[in-house]
Amino acid sequence: MHNRLLEKIIIKKVGNMQPDKRLIICDRCKKTVPISSIRYVPVGKDTMIRVCSNCRQKGGDADKAAPAVSSKPAKPRVSYYCSRCKFKFKYDPESNATLRCPYCAKADKIKKDEGVSAEKILKEADE
């Protein structure tokens, strides 16, 4: 009996619910629309945008107005090798940072990495 009473109360509450009147901005057309017309559409690998029903009807789910990921020109990074701790790393010569090993933080035994061979390692060990 108690369960039937709860069912009737729940049915009455659901039947009298007001539509959601919250507003949100569509990421594609930048218009303020009811939140009920918004769907989230994936853009790229980890990003989602809000798209209203009008934009979805016009362009489908494919996002055409969202900014594309700009491919920055690759910075020339040079490979270096720390003979103190044997750590290989890359460094941007155009940066303001000093050239140090990111592992041991020393700068005294850093050399450009031109492919370390057994002969080079033995030669460094003798020094």
Protein backbone atom coordinates (compact mmCIF):
# COMPACT_ATOMS: atom_id res chain seq x y z
CA MET A 1 0.00 0.00 0.00
CA HIS A 2 2.82 2.39 0.87
CA ASN A 3 4.51 1.74 -2.51
CA ARG A 4 1.32 2.55 -4.44
CA LEU A 5 0.98 5.82 -2.57
CA LEU A 6 4.56 6.75 -3.46
CA GLU A 7 3.97 5.85 -7.12
CA LYS A 8 0.94 8.15 -7.27
CA ILE A 9 2.89 11.00 -5.68
CA ILE A 10 5.79 10.55 -8.10
CA ILE A 11 3.44 10.40 -11.11
CA LYS A 12 1.71 13.59 -10.03
CA LYS A 13 5.02 15.43 -9.54
CA VAL A 14 6.38 14.32 -12.92
CA GLY A 15 3.17 15.29 -14.67
CA ASN A 16 3.25 18.83 -13.28
CA MET A 17 6.94 19.57 -14.02
CA GLN A 18 7.67 22.93 -15.62
CA PRO A 19 9.93 22.97 -18.69
CA ASP A 20 13.50 23.95 -17.97
CA LYS A 21 13.88 27.67 -18.65
CA ARG A 22 17.64 27.94 -18.18
CA LEU A 23 19.55 29.46 -21.08
CA ILE A 24 23.01 28.65 -22.40
CA ILE A 25 25.18 29.98 -25.25
CA CYS A 26 25.70 27.81 -28.32
CA ASP A 27 29.42 27.52 -29.10
CA ARG A 28 28.79 27.49 -32.85
CA CYS A 29 26.34 30.38 -33.49
CA LYS A 30 26.93 32.23 -30.16
CA LYS A 31 23.18 32.64 -29.57
CA THR A 32 21.47 32.18 -26.23
CA VAL A 33 19.18 29.14 -26.44
CA PRO A 34 17.24 26.96 -23.97
CA ILE A 35 19.41 24.32 -22.39
CA SER A 36 17.03 21.61 -23.61
CA SER A 37 18.08 22.26 -27.23
CA ILE A 38 21.82 21.88 -26.53
CA ARG A 39 23.82 18.76 -27.35
CA TYR A 40 27.53 18.24 -26.78
CA VAL A 41 29.56 17.43 -29.89
CA PRO A 42 33.17 16.17 -29.80
CA VAL A 43 35.83 18.37 -31.36
CA GLY A 44 39.28 16.90 -31.57
CA LYS A 45 40.45 14.32 -29.10
CA ASP A 46 39.47 15.69 -25.68
CA THR A 47 37.25 18.69 -26.36
CA MET A 48 33.47 19.00 -26.51
CA ILE A 49 31.39 22.00 -27.64
CA ARG A 50 27.75 22.95 -27.04
CA VAL A 51 25.68 22.97 -30.26
CA CYS A 52 22.02 24.07 -30.46
CA SER A 53 19.35 22.25 -32.46
CA ASN A 54 19.38 24.91 -35.22
CA CYS A 55 23.11 24.49 -35.80
CA ARG A 56 22.79 20.71 -35.77
CA GLN A 57 20.09 20.87 -38.46
CA LYS A 58 22.19 23.18 -40.61
CA GLY A 59 25.51 21.42 -40.43
CA GLY A 60 24.97 18.00 -38.89
CA ASP A 61 27.11 16.89 -36.00
CA ALA A 62 30.37 17.68 -37.76
CA ASP A 63 31.82 20.85 -36.34
CA LYS A 64 32.76 23.35 -39.01
CA ALA A 65 32.71 26.64 -37.13
CA ALA A 66 34.90 25.63 -34.21
CA PRO A 67 38.47 26.83 -34.43
CA ALA A 68 40.84 24.26 -35.82
CA VAL A 69 43.93 23.36 -33.86
CA SER A 70 46.60 25.60 -35.26
CA SER A 71 49.73 23.76 -36.17
CA LYS A 72 52.57 25.85 -34.87
CA PRO A 73 55.77 25.67 -36.83
CA ALA A 74 58.08 23.14 -35.25
CA LYS A 75 60.80 24.79 -33.23
CA PRO A 76 64.30 23.61 -33.98
CA ARG A 77 65.16 21.45 -31.00
CA VAL A 78 68.63 20.03 -30.69
CA SER A 79 69.40 16.70 -29.04
CA TYR A 80 71.88 16.78 -26.18
CA TYR A 81 73.51 14.17 -24.01
CA CYS A 82 74.71 14.55 -20.42
CA SER A 83 77.79 12.40 -19.95
CA ARG A 84 77.57 12.84 -16.18
CA CYS A 85 74.24 11.01 -15.73
CA LYS A 86 73.84 9.54 -19.27
CA PHE A 87 70.55 11.36 -19.86
CA LYS A 88 69.41 12.28 -23.38
CA PHE A 89 67.22 15.34 -23.84
CA LYS A 90 66.20 17.99 -26.36
CA TYR A 91 66.75 21.71 -25.94
CA ASP A 92 65.43 24.70 -27.86
CA PRO A 93 68.41 26.97 -28.60
CA GLU A 94 66.05 29.96 -29.08
CA SER A 95 64.72 29.74 -25.51
CA ASN A 96 65.92 31.93 -22.66
CA ALA A 97 66.60 28.95 -20.39
CA THR A 98 70.18 28.01 -19.70
CA LEU A 99 71.43 24.76 -21.15
CA ARG A 100 71.45 22.29 -18.26
CA CYS A 101 70.63 18.64 -17.87
CA PRO A 102 67.00 18.39 -16.74
CA TYR A 103 67.82 15.23 -14.77
CA CYS A 104 70.91 16.17 -12.74
CA ALA A 105 70.77 20.00 -13.24
CA LYS A 106 74.48 20.18 -14.14
CA ALA A 107 75.81 21.99 -17.17
CA ASP A 108 79.46 20.96 -17.18
CA LYS A 109 79.34 17.71 -19.20
CA ILE A 110 76.63 18.39 -21.79
CA LYS A 111 77.39 17.59 -25.41
CA LYS A 112 75.41 17.54 -28.61
CA ASP A 113 74.03 14.10 -29.31
CA GLU A 114 75.20 12.89 -32.69
CA GLY A 115 74.32 9.30 -31.97
CA VAL A 116 76.24 7.85 -29.08
CA SER A 117 78.37 4.88 -30.04
CA ALA A 118 80.40 2.54 -27.87
CA GLU A 119 83.63 4.20 -29.06
CA LYS A 120 82.45 7.65 -27.97
CA ILE A 121 81.39 6.36 -24.56
CA LEU A 122 84.80 4.72 -24.02
CA LYS A 123 86.57 7.88 -25.16
CA GLU A 124 84.55 9.98 -22.67
CA ALA A 125 85.29 7.52 -19.89
CA ASP A 126 89.04 8.00 -20.45
CA GLU A 127 88.74 11.79 -20.11
